[in-house]
Amino acid sequence: MTLEEGLELIENYKKGLQKFMDLLPEQSVQLGPEMIKTLSMNSKNEIKNLEAIEKALKRQSKYESGLSE
């Protein structure tokens, strides 16, 4: 897998999580407010983790391209 493919995969996963979070309020009757809150917090944390991975991958790529110059 290339860096670009990995970053695209991460971006698609983040979009899926965001869509999931957008739809959570509609499920509040079935799931209850505590479950909605928990799922929202978990999804936000997952997005933050993915953003950190993205940053690290981009930073590593810049570092490696600097070495090859």
N, C-alpha and C. Protein backbone atom coordinates (compact mmCIF):
# COMPACT_ATOMS: atom_id res chain seq x y z
N MET A 1 0.86 -1.18 0.00
CA MET A 1 0.00 0.00 0.00
C MET A 1 0.90 1.23 0.00
N THR A 2 0.55 2.18 -0.84
CA THR A 2 1.32 3.42 -0.89
C THR A 2 0.84 4.38 0.19
N LEU A 3 1.63 5.41 0.42
CA LEU A 3 1.26 6.44 1.39
C LEU A 3 -0.07 7.09 0.98
N GLU A 4 -0.20 7.38 -0.29
CA GLU A 4 -1.43 8.03 -0.78
C GLU A 4 -2.65 7.13 -0.55
N GLU A 5 -2.49 5.84 -0.80
CA GLU A 5 -3.60 4.91 -0.58
C GLU A 5 -3.94 4.83 0.90
N GLY A 6 -2.93 4.82 1.75
CA GLY A 6 -3.17 4.79 3.20
C GLY A 6 -3.88 6.03 3.69
N LEU A 7 -3.45 7.18 3.19
CA LEU A 7 -4.09 8.44 3.59
C LEU A 7 -5.53 8.50 3.08
N GLU A 8 -5.77 7.98 1.89
CA GLU A 8 -7.13 7.95 1.35
C GLU A 8 -8.01 7.02 2.19
N LEU A 9 -7.47 5.90 2.59
CA LEU A 9 -8.20 4.96 3.44
C LEU A 9 -8.57 5.61 4.77
N ILE A 10 -7.63 6.31 5.37
CA ILE A 10 -7.89 7.01 6.63
C ILE A 10 -8.96 8.06 6.44
N GLU A 11 -8.87 8.84 5.36
CA GLU A 11 -9.85 9.89 5.09
C GLU A 11 -11.25 9.30 4.92
N ASN A 12 -11.35 8.20 4.20
CA ASN A 12 -12.66 7.55 4.02
C ASN A 12 -13.22 7.03 5.34
N TYR A 13 -12.36 6.50 6.19
CA TYR A 13 -12.80 6.01 7.50
C TYR A 13 -13.29 7.17 8.36
N LYS A 14 -12.56 8.29 8.32
CA LYS A 14 -12.98 9.48 9.07
C LYS A 14 -14.35 9.97 8.58
N LYS A 15 -14.56 9.96 7.27
CA LYS A 15 -15.85 10.38 6.72
C LYS A 15 -16.97 9.45 7.19
N GLY A 16 -16.67 8.15 7.22
CA GLY A 16 -17.66 7.19 7.70
C GLY A 16 -18.01 7.41 9.16
N LEU A 17 -17.00 7.69 9.97
CA LEU A 17 -17.25 7.97 11.39
C LEU A 17 -18.07 9.25 11.56
N GLN A 18 -17.76 10.26 10.75
CA GLN A 18 -18.51 11.51 10.85
C GLN A 18 -19.97 11.30 10.46
N LYS A 19 -20.20 10.52 9.41
CA LYS A 19 -21.57 10.22 9.00
C LYS A 19 -22.31 9.46 10.11
N PHE A 20 -21.62 8.49 10.72
CA PHE A 20 -22.17 7.74 11.84
C PHE A 20 -22.58 8.69 12.96
N MET A 21 -21.68 9.65 13.29
CA MET A 21 -21.98 10.60 14.36
C MET A 21 -23.16 11.50 13.99
N ASP A 22 -23.25 11.86 12.72
CA ASP A 22 -24.37 12.70 12.28
C ASP A 22 -25.70 11.99 12.41
N LEU A 23 -25.69 10.67 12.26
CA LEU A 23 -26.93 9.89 12.33
C LEU A 23 -27.29 9.46 13.75
N LEU A 24 -26.35 9.57 14.68
CA LEU A 24 -26.61 9.12 16.05
C LEU A 24 -27.83 9.77 16.71
N PRO A 25 -28.02 11.07 16.58
CA PRO A 25 -29.19 11.67 17.24
C PRO A 25 -30.52 11.03 16.84
N GLU A 26 -30.60 10.56 15.60
CA GLU A 26 -31.84 9.91 15.14
C GLU A 26 -32.10 8.59 15.89
N GLN A 27 -31.06 8.03 16.47
CA GLN A 27 -31.17 6.74 17.15
C GLN A 27 -31.37 6.89 18.67
N SER A 28 -31.52 8.11 19.13
CA SER A 28 -31.54 8.35 20.58
C SER A 28 -32.69 7.64 21.29
N VAL A 29 -33.83 7.49 20.63
CA VAL A 29 -34.97 6.82 21.27
C VAL A 29 -34.64 5.35 21.53
N GLN A 30 -34.02 4.69 20.54
CA GLN A 30 -33.70 3.27 20.68
C GLN A 30 -32.50 3.05 21.60
N LEU A 31 -31.49 3.91 21.51
CA LEU A 31 -30.24 3.68 22.23
C LEU A 31 -30.18 4.34 23.60
N GLY A 32 -30.84 5.45 23.75
CA GLY A 32 -30.79 6.18 25.01
C GLY A 32 -29.65 7.19 25.01
N PRO A 33 -29.80 8.23 25.83
CA PRO A 33 -28.83 9.34 25.82
C PRO A 33 -27.41 8.95 26.26
N GLU A 34 -27.29 8.04 27.21
CA GLU A 34 -25.95 7.65 27.67
C GLU A 34 -25.17 6.91 26.58
N MET A 35 -25.86 6.03 25.88
CA MET A 35 -25.21 5.28 24.79
C MET A 35 -24.82 6.23 23.67
N ILE A 36 -25.68 7.18 23.35
CA ILE A 36 -25.37 8.17 22.31
C ILE A 36 -24.13 8.96 22.70
N LYS A 37 -24.08 9.39 23.96
CA LYS A 37 -22.94 10.16 24.45
C LYS A 37 -21.65 9.32 24.36
N THR A 38 -21.72 8.08 24.78
CA THR A 38 -20.56 7.19 24.73
C THR A 38 -20.09 6.96 23.30
N LEU A 39 -21.03 6.66 22.41
CA LEU A 39 -20.67 6.42 21.01
C LEU A 39 -20.10 7.68 20.36
N SER A 40 -20.64 8.84 20.70
CA SER A 40 -20.13 10.10 20.16
C SER A 40 -18.71 10.35 20.63
N MET A 41 -18.46 10.16 21.92
CA MET A 41 -17.11 10.38 22.46
C MET A 41 -16.12 9.40 21.84
N ASN A 42 -16.51 8.15 21.72
CA ASN A 42 -15.63 7.15 21.11
C ASN A 42 -15.30 7.51 19.66
N SER A 43 -16.31 7.94 18.92
CA SER A 43 -16.10 8.31 17.52
C SER A 43 -15.19 9.53 17.40
N LYS A 44 -15.39 10.52 18.26
CA LYS A 44 -14.53 11.71 18.24
C LYS A 44 -13.09 11.33 18.56
N ASN A 45 -12.91 10.46 19.53
CA ASN A 45 -11.56 10.00 19.88
C ASN A 45 -10.92 9.24 18.72
N GLU A 46 -11.71 8.43 18.06
CA GLU A 46 -11.20 7.66 16.92
C GLU A 46 -10.76 8.61 15.80
N ILE A 47 -11.55 9.65 15.54
CA ILE A 47 -11.18 10.63 14.52
C ILE A 47 -9.88 11.33 14.91
N LYS A 48 -9.73 11.70 16.17
CA LYS A 48 -8.48 12.33 16.63
C LYS A 48 -7.30 11.38 16.44
N ASN A 49 -7.49 10.11 16.75
CA ASN A 49 -6.42 9.12 16.56
C ASN A 49 -6.05 9.00 15.08
N LEU A 50 -7.04 8.98 14.22
CA LEU A 50 -6.78 8.89 12.78
C LEU A 50 -6.04 10.12 12.28
N GLU A 51 -6.41 11.29 12.79
CA GLU A 51 -5.72 12.51 12.40
C GLU A 51 -4.26 12.49 12.86
N ALA A 52 -4.00 11.94 14.03
CA ALA A 52 -2.63 11.82 14.52
C ALA A 52 -1.82 10.86 13.64
N ILE A 53 -2.45 9.77 13.21
CA ILE A 53 -1.78 8.82 12.32
C ILE A 53 -1.47 9.49 10.98
N GLU A 54 -2.45 10.23 10.47
CA GLU A 54 -2.24 10.97 9.22
C GLU A 54 -1.03 11.91 9.32
N LYS A 55 -0.99 12.67 10.39
CA LYS A 55 0.11 13.61 10.61
C LYS A 55 1.45 12.89 10.65
N ALA A 56 1.48 11.78 11.38
CA ALA A 56 2.72 11.02 11.51
C ALA A 56 3.17 10.47 10.16
N LEU A 57 2.23 9.97 9.37
CA LEU A 57 2.57 9.44 8.06
C LEU A 57 3.10 10.54 7.14
N LYS A 58 2.46 11.69 7.18
CA LYS A 58 2.91 12.80 6.34
C LYS A 58 4.27 13.30 6.79
N ARG A 59 4.47 13.37 8.09
CA ARG A 59 5.76 13.82 8.63
C ARG A 59 6.86 12.83 8.25
N GLN A 60 6.58 11.54 8.36
CA GLN A 60 7.54 10.50 8.00
C GLN A 60 7.88 10.60 6.52
N SER A 61 6.87 10.85 5.70
CA SER A 61 7.08 10.96 4.26
C SER A 61 7.99 12.15 3.94
N LYS A 62 7.76 13.29 4.60
CA LYS A 62 8.61 14.46 4.38
C LYS A 62 10.04 14.18 4.83
N TYR A 63 10.17 13.49 5.97
CA TYR A 63 11.49 13.15 6.49
C TYR A 63 12.24 12.25 5.52
N GLU A 64 11.53 11.23 5.02
CA GLU A 64 12.17 10.28 4.10
C GLU A 64 12.52 10.96 2.77
N SER A 65 11.67 11.86 2.29
CA SER A 65 11.98 12.53 1.04
C SER A 65 13.16 13.49 1.23
N GLY A 66 13.30 14.04 2.43
CA GLY A 66 14.47 14.89 2.73
C GLY A 66 15.76 14.11 2.76
N LEU A 67 15.70 12.87 3.17
CA LEU A 67 16.90 12.01 3.20
C LEU A 67 17.36 11.62 1.81
N SER A 68 16.41 11.50 0.89
CA SER A 68 16.77 11.02 -0.44
C SER A 68 17.27 12.15 -1.35
N GLU A 69 17.21 13.39 -0.87
CA GLU A 69 17.67 14.52 -1.69
C GLU A 69 19.16 14.66 -1.66
